[in-house]
Amino acid sequence: MQMAGSNQQYFSKADLHFIKSLQRKNLRSEHRMLVAEGDKLVAEVLTTGLVICFLVVTKHSEHCTVPGALLVGENEMERMTGLSSPSPSLVVARQPEWPVSPVSRSLFTPVLDEVRDPGNLGTIIRTADWFGYDRVICSRNTADMWNPKTIQASMGSVFRVPVYYTDLEVLFTENNSVPVYLLDMEGRALPECRDLKPGFLVLGNEANGLSRGTLASATERISIPGKGGAESLNVSVAAAITMFFFSGI
């Protein structure tokens, strides 16, 4: 852990307002910072090597004795939190920057097209971590990976799995030798897809489906068969089923 400004001995109102402002995506992006809440997630951040800007704790936190931790009252913590109820600890850190590496030709790669819900995004990142995928690629209008709800849903996996945002049409064009598999209710049933070579596994917005440009890039469409009355699967559930199938486990 690197602690920026660890010699600070008090917590000012300006600090409180700054941390609260990081609930907004534009300010997180401007300052290149993230906020994680709760002792478990804070513990994850403290082991990552990220630069820590603030570690804020109440007397109930297990991180009270960490050098540089700033002790605040529960009322102050409640004013900073982005959660429905405040946690005993909160950390503000610099966002990590992963070097861009070529897309693997030997692994399947999850790609998210306009997945807007941060909880779904975090769950998908956590699933990718569980099954050993080396990255998640997102369209530029997919939810923010540093949204506090994404971080919470990922349970710390967002600090381990590189997530890249890009123009998907450009991605598919620049990697035109990599197959593009779209998850689509009209596609070939997943159990029949054992023969597919590694490629992009593309999942879209539950309400609106896949974007027009992504649809035009399809090599093949695949579907998850079912027999009940539900209209569709939640995108994070569909991602979990698909990632497990193609994980090689």
C-alpha atoms as a PDB file:
ATOM      1  CA  MET A   1       0.000   0.000   0.000  1.00  0.00           C
ATOM      2  CA  GLN A   2       1.186   3.493  -0.830  1.00  0.00           C
ATOM      3  CA  MET A   3      -0.423   6.188   1.311  1.00  0.00           C
ATOM      4  CA  ALA A   4      -0.522   9.664  -0.166  1.00  0.00           C
ATOM      5  CA  GLY A   5      -0.448  12.344   2.503  1.00  0.00           C
ATOM      6  CA  SER A   6      -0.240   9.792   5.346  1.00  0.00           C
ATOM      7  CA  ASN A   7       1.006  12.458   7.753  1.00  0.00           C
ATOM      8  CA  GLN A   8      -2.407  14.162   7.728  1.00  0.00           C
ATOM      9  CA  GLN A   9      -3.750  14.304  11.296  1.00  0.00           C
ATOM     10  CA  TYR A  10      -7.308  15.574  10.776  1.00  0.00           C
ATOM     11  CA  PHE A  11     -10.196  15.277   8.386  1.00  0.00           C
ATOM     12  CA  SER A  12     -11.593  18.550   7.056  1.00  0.00           C
ATOM     13  CA  LYS A  13     -14.982  19.504   5.663  1.00  0.00           C
ATOM     14  CA  ALA A  14     -13.284  20.055   2.316  1.00  0.00           C
ATOM     15  CA  ASP A  15     -12.064  16.440   2.382  1.00  0.00           C
ATOM     16  CA  LEU A  16     -15.573  15.238   3.172  1.00  0.00           C
ATOM     17  CA  HIS A  17     -17.105  17.203   0.302  1.00  0.00           C
ATOM     18  CA  PHE A  18     -14.397  16.027  -2.101  1.00  0.00           C
ATOM     19  CA  ILE A  19     -14.985  12.357  -1.263  1.00  0.00           C
ATOM     20  CA  LYS A  20     -18.743  12.818  -1.604  1.00  0.00           C
ATOM     21  CA  SER A  21     -18.207  14.424  -5.012  1.00  0.00           C
ATOM     22  CA  LEU A  22     -16.525  11.236  -6.252  1.00  0.00           C
ATOM     23  CA  GLN A  23     -19.938   9.591  -6.398  1.00  0.00           C
ATOM     24  CA  ARG A  24     -20.164  11.440  -9.740  1.00  0.00           C
ATOM     25  CA  LYS A  25     -18.570   9.736 -12.742  1.00  0.00           C
ATOM     26  CA  ASN A  26     -17.219  12.929 -14.327  1.00  0.00           C
ATOM     27  CA  LEU A  27     -15.288  13.847 -11.169  1.00  0.00           C
ATOM     28  CA  ARG A  28     -13.983  10.293 -10.698  1.00  0.00           C
ATOM     29  CA  SER A  29     -12.721  10.442 -14.267  1.00  0.00           C
ATOM     30  CA  GLU A  30     -11.274  13.925 -13.875  1.00  0.00           C
ATOM     31  CA  HIS A  31      -9.314  13.013 -10.750  1.00  0.00           C
ATOM     32  CA  ARG A  32      -8.629   9.399 -11.804  1.00  0.00           C
ATOM     33  CA  MET A  33      -9.881   8.154  -8.422  1.00  0.00           C
ATOM     34  CA  LEU A  34     -12.127   5.410  -7.089  1.00  0.00           C
ATOM     35  CA  VAL A  35     -14.056   4.929  -3.861  1.00  0.00           C
ATOM     36  CA  ALA A  36     -14.513   1.550  -2.158  1.00  0.00           C
ATOM     37  CA  GLU A  37     -16.537   1.030   1.014  1.00  0.00           C
ATOM     38  CA  GLY A  38     -16.663  -1.682   3.656  1.00  0.00           C
ATOM     39  CA  ASP A  39     -13.908  -3.460   5.565  1.00  0.00           C
ATOM     40  CA  LYS A  40     -13.676  -6.363   3.096  1.00  0.00           C
ATOM     41  CA  LEU A  41     -13.339  -4.181   0.001  1.00  0.00           C
ATOM     42  CA  VAL A  42     -11.015  -1.773   1.778  1.00  0.00           C
ATOM     43  CA  ALA A  43      -8.795  -4.738   2.689  1.00  0.00           C
ATOM     44  CA  GLU A  44      -8.727  -5.712  -1.008  1.00  0.00           C
ATOM     45  CA  VAL A  45      -7.647  -2.208  -2.019  1.00  0.00           C
ATOM     46  CA  LEU A  46      -4.920  -2.075   0.626  1.00  0.00           C
ATOM     47  CA  THR A  47      -3.270  -5.161  -0.884  1.00  0.00           C
ATOM     48  CA  THR A  48      -3.323  -3.953  -4.507  1.00  0.00           C
ATOM     49  CA  GLY A  49      -0.417  -1.507  -4.418  1.00  0.00           C
ATOM     50  CA  LEU A  50      -2.701   1.343  -5.499  1.00  0.00           C
ATOM     51  CA  VAL A  51      -1.899   4.825  -4.253  1.00  0.00           C
ATOM     52  CA  ILE A  52      -4.227   5.514  -1.311  1.00  0.00           C
ATOM     53  CA  CYS A  53      -5.415   9.099  -1.064  1.00  0.00           C
ATOM     54  CA  PHE A  54      -7.747   8.704   1.930  1.00  0.00           C
ATOM     55  CA  LEU A  55      -8.461   5.856   4.312  1.00  0.00           C
ATOM     56  CA  VAL A  56     -11.419   6.925   6.440  1.00  0.00           C
ATOM     57  CA  VAL A  57     -12.639   4.759   9.336  1.00  0.00           C
ATOM     58  CA  THR A  58     -15.073   4.818  12.213  1.00  0.00           C
ATOM     59  CA  LYS A  59     -14.242   3.274  15.570  1.00  0.00           C
ATOM     60  CA  HIS A  60     -16.006   0.068  14.457  1.00  0.00           C
ATOM     61  CA  SER A  61     -13.628  -0.623  11.561  1.00  0.00           C
ATOM     62  CA  GLU A  62     -10.994  -3.367  11.623  1.00  0.00           C
ATOM     63  CA  HIS A  63      -8.696  -0.889   9.843  1.00  0.00           C
ATOM     64  CA  CYS A  64      -8.513   1.622  12.694  1.00  0.00           C
ATOM     65  CA  THR A  65      -4.849   0.853  13.347  1.00  0.00           C
ATOM     66  CA  VAL A  66      -3.654   1.189   9.740  1.00  0.00           C
ATOM     67  CA  PRO A  67      -1.052   3.976   9.529  1.00  0.00           C
ATOM     68  CA  GLY A  68      -2.568   7.128   8.033  1.00  0.00           C
ATOM     69  CA  ALA A  69      -6.186   6.081   8.701  1.00  0.00           C
ATOM     70  CA  LEU A  70      -8.446   9.023   9.524  1.00  0.00           C
ATOM     71  CA  LEU A  71     -10.975   8.457  12.299  1.00  0.00           C
ATOM     72  CA  VAL A  72     -14.395  10.055  11.774  1.00  0.00           C
ATOM     73  CA  GLY A  73     -17.773   9.846  13.439  1.00  0.00           C
ATOM     74  CA  GLU A  74     -20.626   7.804  12.010  1.00  0.00           C
ATOM     75  CA  ASN A  75     -22.493  10.966  11.002  1.00  0.00           C
ATOM     76  CA  GLU A  76     -19.546  12.099   8.882  1.00  0.00           C
ATOM     77  CA  MET A  77     -19.267   8.652   7.287  1.00  0.00           C
ATOM     78  CA  GLU A  78     -22.972   8.736   6.464  1.00  0.00           C
ATOM     79  CA  ARG A  79     -22.494  12.036   4.615  1.00  0.00           C
ATOM     80  CA  MET A  80     -19.785  10.495   2.404  1.00  0.00           C
ATOM     81  CA  THR A  81     -21.254   7.120   1.586  1.00  0.00           C
ATOM     82  CA  GLY A  82     -22.790   6.129  -1.713  1.00  0.00           C
ATOM     83  CA  LEU A  83     -24.481   3.126  -0.105  1.00  0.00           C
ATOM     84  CA  SER A  84     -27.925   2.913   1.483  1.00  0.00           C
ATOM     85  CA  SER A  85     -26.256   2.586   4.881  1.00  0.00           C
ATOM     86  CA  PRO A  86     -22.693   3.642   5.743  1.00  0.00           C
ATOM     87  CA  SER A  87     -19.877   1.144   6.219  1.00  0.00           C
ATOM     88  CA  PRO A  88     -17.241   1.357   8.958  1.00  0.00           C
ATOM     89  CA  SER A  89     -14.495   2.172   6.450  1.00  0.00           C
ATOM     90  CA  LEU A  90     -13.984   3.882   3.120  1.00  0.00           C
ATOM     91  CA  VAL A  91     -10.936   4.223   0.906  1.00  0.00           C
ATOM     92  CA  VAL A  92     -10.171   6.644  -1.922  1.00  0.00           C
ATOM     93  CA  ALA A  93      -7.441   5.444  -4.256  1.00  0.00           C
ATOM     94  CA  ARG A  94      -5.935   6.226  -7.639  1.00  0.00           C
ATOM     95  CA  GLN A  95      -7.514   4.207 -10.425  1.00  0.00           C
ATOM     96  CA  PRO A  96      -5.191   1.502 -11.789  1.00  0.00           C
ATOM     97  CA  GLU A  97      -4.111   1.692 -15.404  1.00  0.00           C
ATOM     98  CA  TRP A  98      -3.624  -1.595 -17.230  1.00  0.00           C
ATOM     99  CA  PRO A  99      -1.348  -1.770 -20.247  1.00  0.00           C
ATOM    100  CA  VAL A 100      -3.251  -2.657 -23.408  1.00  0.00           C
ATOM    101  CA  SER A 101      -2.206  -6.093 -24.650  1.00  0.00           C
ATOM    102  CA  PRO A 102      -3.256  -7.903 -27.843  1.00  0.00           C
ATOM    103  CA  VAL A 103      -6.500  -9.863 -27.727  1.00  0.00           C
ATOM    104  CA  SER A 104      -5.757 -13.526 -27.064  1.00  0.00           C
ATOM    105  CA  ARG A 105      -6.333 -15.917 -29.971  1.00  0.00           C
ATOM    106  CA  SER A 106      -6.462 -18.874 -27.565  1.00  0.00           C
ATOM    107  CA  LEU A 107      -9.031 -17.563 -25.039  1.00  0.00           C
ATOM    108  CA  PHE A 108     -12.632 -16.443 -25.258  1.00  0.00           C
ATOM    109  CA  THR A 109     -13.125 -12.763 -24.357  1.00  0.00           C
ATOM    110  CA  PRO A 110     -16.332 -11.386 -22.767  1.00  0.00           C
ATOM    111  CA  VAL A 111     -17.546  -8.201 -24.486  1.00  0.00           C
ATOM    112  CA  LEU A 112     -20.368  -6.035 -23.126  1.00  0.00           C
ATOM    113  CA  ASP A 113     -22.422  -3.883 -25.485  1.00  0.00           C
ATOM    114  CA  GLU A 114     -24.361  -1.099 -23.699  1.00  0.00           C
ATOM    115  CA  VAL A 115     -24.771  -2.973 -20.401  1.00  0.00           C
ATOM    116  CA  ARG A 116     -25.929   0.018 -18.369  1.00  0.00           C
ATOM    117  CA  ASP A 117     -26.528  -1.404 -14.880  1.00  0.00           C
ATOM    118  CA  PRO A 118     -23.413  -1.106 -12.658  1.00  0.00           C
ATOM    119  CA  GLY A 119     -24.532  -4.041 -10.521  1.00  0.00           C
ATOM    120  CA  ASN A 120     -24.680  -6.288 -13.581  1.00  0.00           C
ATOM    121  CA  LEU A 121     -21.272  -5.069 -14.722  1.00  0.00           C
ATOM    122  CA  GLY A 122     -19.709  -5.765 -11.325  1.00  0.00           C
ATOM    123  CA  THR A 123     -21.226  -9.247 -11.201  1.00  0.00           C
ATOM    124  CA  ILE A 124     -19.924 -10.035 -14.693  1.00  0.00           C
ATOM    125  CA  ILE A 125     -16.419  -8.875 -13.729  1.00  0.00           C
ATOM    126  CA  ARG A 126     -16.586 -11.078 -10.626  1.00  0.00           C
ATOM    127  CA  THR A 127     -17.681 -14.037 -12.771  1.00  0.00           C
ATOM    128  CA  ALA A 128     -14.866 -13.431 -15.258  1.00  0.00           C
ATOM    129  CA  ASP A 129     -12.429 -13.449 -12.344  1.00  0.00           C
ATOM    130  CA  TRP A 130     -13.864 -16.737 -11.020  1.00  0.00           C
ATOM    131  CA  PHE A 131     -13.573 -18.536 -14.350  1.00  0.00           C
ATOM    132  CA  GLY A 132     -10.128 -17.139 -15.173  1.00  0.00           C
ATOM    133  CA  TYR A 133     -10.862 -14.803 -18.081  1.00  0.00           C
ATOM    134  CA  ASP A 134      -8.004 -12.386 -18.715  1.00  0.00           C
ATOM    135  CA  ARG A 135     -10.121  -9.274 -19.427  1.00  0.00           C
ATOM    136  CA  VAL A 136     -13.566  -7.810 -20.001  1.00  0.00           C
ATOM    137  CA  ILE A 137     -14.107  -5.410 -22.912  1.00  0.00           C
ATOM    138  CA  CYS A 138     -16.913  -2.831 -22.783  1.00  0.00           C
ATOM    139  CA  SER A 139     -18.536  -0.459 -25.234  1.00  0.00           C
ATOM    140  CA  ARG A 140     -18.003   3.163 -24.284  1.00  0.00           C
ATOM    141  CA  ASN A 141     -21.610   3.527 -23.091  1.00  0.00           C
ATOM    142  CA  THR A 142     -21.494   0.507 -20.795  1.00  0.00           C
ATOM    143  CA  ALA A 143     -21.688   1.291 -17.055  1.00  0.00           C
ATOM    144  CA  ASP A 144     -18.630   2.781 -15.341  1.00  0.00           C
ATOM    145  CA  MET A 145     -16.370   0.145 -13.800  1.00  0.00           C
ATOM    146  CA  TRP A 146     -15.501   2.579 -10.985  1.00  0.00           C
ATOM    147  CA  ASN A 147     -19.095   3.275 -10.046  1.00  0.00           C
ATOM    148  CA  PRO A 148     -19.246   2.352  -6.326  1.00  0.00           C
ATOM    149  CA  LYS A 149     -22.095  -0.078  -7.123  1.00  0.00           C
ATOM    150  CA  THR A 150     -19.904  -1.828  -9.704  1.00  0.00           C
ATOM    151  CA  ILE A 151     -17.071  -2.126  -7.196  1.00  0.00           C
ATOM    152  CA  GLN A 152     -19.444  -3.515  -4.557  1.00  0.00           C
ATOM    153  CA  ALA A 153     -20.958  -6.076  -6.932  1.00  0.00           C
ATOM    154  CA  SER A 154     -17.537  -7.198  -8.128  1.00  0.00           C
ATOM    155  CA  MET A 155     -16.464  -7.981  -4.535  1.00  0.00           C
ATOM    156  CA  GLY A 156     -12.938  -6.788  -5.360  1.00  0.00           C
ATOM    157  CA  SER A 157     -12.574  -8.575  -8.723  1.00  0.00           C
ATOM    158  CA  VAL A 158     -12.550  -5.170 -10.430  1.00  0.00           C
ATOM    159  CA  PHE A 159      -9.039  -4.721  -8.980  1.00  0.00           C
ATOM    160  CA  ARG A 160      -7.814  -7.962 -10.586  1.00  0.00           C
ATOM    161  CA  VAL A 161      -9.512  -8.247 -13.974  1.00  0.00           C
ATOM    162  CA  PRO A 162      -8.515  -5.635 -16.568  1.00  0.00           C
ATOM    163  CA  VAL A 163     -11.558  -3.871 -18.027  1.00  0.00           C
ATOM    164  CA  TYR A 164     -11.156  -1.931 -21.260  1.00  0.00           C
ATOM    165  CA  TYR A 165     -13.575   0.543 -22.865  1.00  0.00           C
ATOM    166  CA  THR A 166     -13.503   0.928 -26.615  1.00  0.00           C
ATOM    167  CA  ASP A 167     -15.520   1.379 -29.797  1.00  0.00           C
ATOM    168  CA  LEU A 168     -16.717  -2.163 -30.509  1.00  0.00           C
ATOM    169  CA  GLU A 169     -16.930  -1.729 -34.273  1.00  0.00           C
ATOM    170  CA  VAL A 170     -13.282  -0.635 -34.293  1.00  0.00           C
ATOM    171  CA  LEU A 171     -12.371  -3.551 -31.995  1.00  0.00           C
ATOM    172  CA  PHE A 172     -13.969  -6.105 -34.316  1.00  0.00           C
ATOM    173  CA  THR A 173     -12.463  -4.502 -37.425  1.00  0.00           C
ATOM    174  CA  GLU A 174      -8.950  -4.392 -35.982  1.00  0.00           C
ATOM    175  CA  ASN A 175      -9.263  -8.020 -34.867  1.00  0.00           C
ATOM    176  CA  ASN A 176     -11.083  -9.324 -37.934  1.00  0.00           C
ATOM    177  CA  SER A 177      -9.510 -12.769 -37.629  1.00  0.00           C
ATOM    178  CA  VAL A 178     -11.196 -13.249 -34.225  1.00  0.00           C
ATOM    179  CA  PRO A 179     -14.742 -14.683 -34.429  1.00  0.00           C
ATOM    180  CA  VAL A 180     -17.578 -12.599 -32.952  1.00  0.00           C
ATOM    181  CA  TYR A 181     -20.243 -14.641 -31.151  1.00  0.00           C
ATOM    182  CA  LEU A 182     -23.409 -12.810 -30.187  1.00  0.00           C
ATOM    183  CA  LEU A 183     -25.642 -14.075 -27.416  1.00  0.00           C
ATOM    184  CA  ASP A 184     -29.050 -13.978 -29.040  1.00  0.00           C
ATOM    185  CA  MET A 185     -32.310 -15.796 -28.360  1.00  0.00           C
ATOM    186  CA  GLU A 186     -32.482 -16.877 -32.021  1.00  0.00           C
ATOM    187  CA  GLY A 187     -28.972 -18.331 -32.084  1.00  0.00           C
ATOM    188  CA  ARG A 188     -27.608 -21.867 -32.032  1.00  0.00           C
ATOM    189  CA  ALA A 189     -28.196 -23.570 -28.687  1.00  0.00           C
ATOM    190  CA  LEU A 190     -25.187 -23.285 -26.374  1.00  0.00           C
ATOM    191  CA  PRO A 191     -24.785 -27.073 -25.787  1.00  0.00           C
ATOM    192  CA  GLU A 192     -24.224 -27.447 -29.552  1.00  0.00           C
ATOM    193  CA  CYS A 193     -21.337 -24.935 -29.586  1.00  0.00           C
ATOM    194  CA  ARG A 194     -18.436 -27.057 -28.345  1.00  0.00           C
ATOM    195  CA  ASP A 195     -16.837 -26.744 -31.768  1.00  0.00           C
ATOM    196  CA  LEU A 196     -16.454 -22.950 -31.657  1.00  0.00           C
ATOM    197  CA  LYS A 197     -12.943 -21.527 -31.772  1.00  0.00           C
ATOM    198  CA  PRO A 198     -11.991 -18.848 -29.200  1.00  0.00           C
ATOM    199  CA  GLY A 199     -13.454 -15.452 -29.978  1.00  0.00           C
ATOM    200  CA  PHE A 200     -15.437 -12.530 -28.611  1.00  0.00           C
ATOM    201  CA  LEU A 201     -18.492 -13.441 -26.489  1.00  0.00           C
ATOM    202  CA  VAL A 202     -20.804 -10.439 -26.868  1.00  0.00           C
ATOM    203  CA  LEU A 203     -23.689  -9.709 -24.493  1.00  0.00           C
ATOM    204  CA  GLY A 204     -26.028  -6.770 -24.869  1.00  0.00           C
ATOM    205  CA  ASN A 205     -28.457  -4.552 -23.038  1.00  0.00           C
ATOM    206  CA  GLU A 206     -31.411  -6.566 -21.670  1.00  0.00           C
ATOM    207  CA  ALA A 207     -34.024  -4.059 -22.802  1.00  0.00           C
ATOM    208  CA  ASN A 208     -32.621  -2.991 -26.165  1.00  0.00           C
ATOM    209  CA  GLY A 209     -30.419  -5.901 -27.210  1.00  0.00           C
ATOM    210  CA  LEU A 210     -27.263  -5.472 -29.246  1.00  0.00           C
ATOM    211  CA  SER A 211     -26.344  -2.328 -31.161  1.00  0.00           C
ATOM    212  CA  ARG A 212     -26.670  -2.258 -34.953  1.00  0.00           C
ATOM    213  CA  GLY A 213     -22.909  -2.124 -35.520  1.00  0.00           C
ATOM    214  CA  THR A 214     -22.337  -5.128 -33.286  1.00  0.00           C
ATOM    215  CA  LEU A 215     -25.075  -7.120 -35.032  1.00  0.00           C
ATOM    216  CA  ALA A 216     -23.382  -6.464 -38.365  1.00  0.00           C
ATOM    217  CA  SER A 217     -20.104  -7.889 -37.054  1.00  0.00           C
ATOM    218  CA  ALA A 218     -21.497 -11.265 -36.013  1.00  0.00           C
ATOM    219  CA  THR A 219     -19.723 -14.449 -37.015  1.00  0.00           C
ATOM    220  CA  GLU A 220     -22.373 -16.563 -35.324  1.00  0.00           C
ATOM    221  CA  ARG A 221     -25.225 -16.232 -32.859  1.00  0.00           C
ATOM    222  CA  ILE A 222     -25.621 -18.468 -29.840  1.00  0.00           C
ATOM    223  CA  SER A 223     -28.478 -18.875 -27.369  1.00  0.00           C
ATOM    224  CA  ILE A 224     -29.097 -20.325 -23.932  1.00  0.00           C
ATOM    225  CA  PRO A 225     -32.031 -22.753 -24.202  1.00  0.00           C
ATOM    226  CA  GLY A 226     -34.729 -22.778 -21.544  1.00  0.00           C
ATOM    227  CA  LYS A 227     -38.146 -24.312 -20.982  1.00  0.00           C
ATOM    228  CA  GLY A 228     -39.890 -22.010 -18.501  1.00  0.00           C
ATOM    229  CA  GLY A 229     -42.049 -18.956 -18.964  1.00  0.00           C
ATOM    230  CA  ALA A 230     -39.536 -16.175 -18.308  1.00  0.00           C
ATOM    231  CA  GLU A 231     -39.073 -13.723 -21.162  1.00  0.00           C
ATOM    232  CA  SER A 232     -35.290 -13.670 -20.841  1.00  0.00           C
ATOM    233  CA  LEU A 233     -32.329 -14.112 -18.516  1.00  0.00           C
ATOM    234  CA  ASN A 234     -30.663 -11.307 -16.591  1.00  0.00           C
ATOM    235  CA  VAL A 235     -27.522 -10.343 -18.521  1.00  0.00           C
ATOM    236  CA  SER A 236     -25.189 -11.207 -15.637  1.00  0.00           C
ATOM    237  CA  VAL A 237     -26.784 -14.676 -15.333  1.00  0.00           C
ATOM    238  CA  ALA A 238     -26.499 -15.211 -19.084  1.00  0.00           C
ATOM    239  CA  ALA A 239     -22.862 -14.114 -18.914  1.00  0.00           C
ATOM    240  CA  ALA A 240     -22.148 -16.560 -16.087  1.00  0.00           C
ATOM    241  CA  ILE A 241     -23.651 -19.509 -17.972  1.00  0.00           C
ATOM    242  CA  THR A 242     -21.817 -18.614 -21.173  1.00  0.00           C
ATOM    243  CA  MET A 243     -18.468 -17.957 -19.476  1.00  0.00           C
ATOM    244  CA  PHE A 244     -18.652 -21.249 -17.616  1.00  0.00           C
ATOM    245  CA  PHE A 245     -19.448 -23.130 -20.831  1.00  0.00           C
ATOM    246  CA  PHE A 246     -16.453 -21.667 -22.680  1.00  0.00           C
ATOM    247  CA  SER A 247     -14.034 -21.610 -19.712  1.00  0.00           C
ATOM    248  CA  GLY A 248     -12.690 -25.094 -20.374  1.00  0.00           C
ATOM    249  CA  ILE A 249     -13.333 -26.145 -16.785  1.00  0.00           C
END
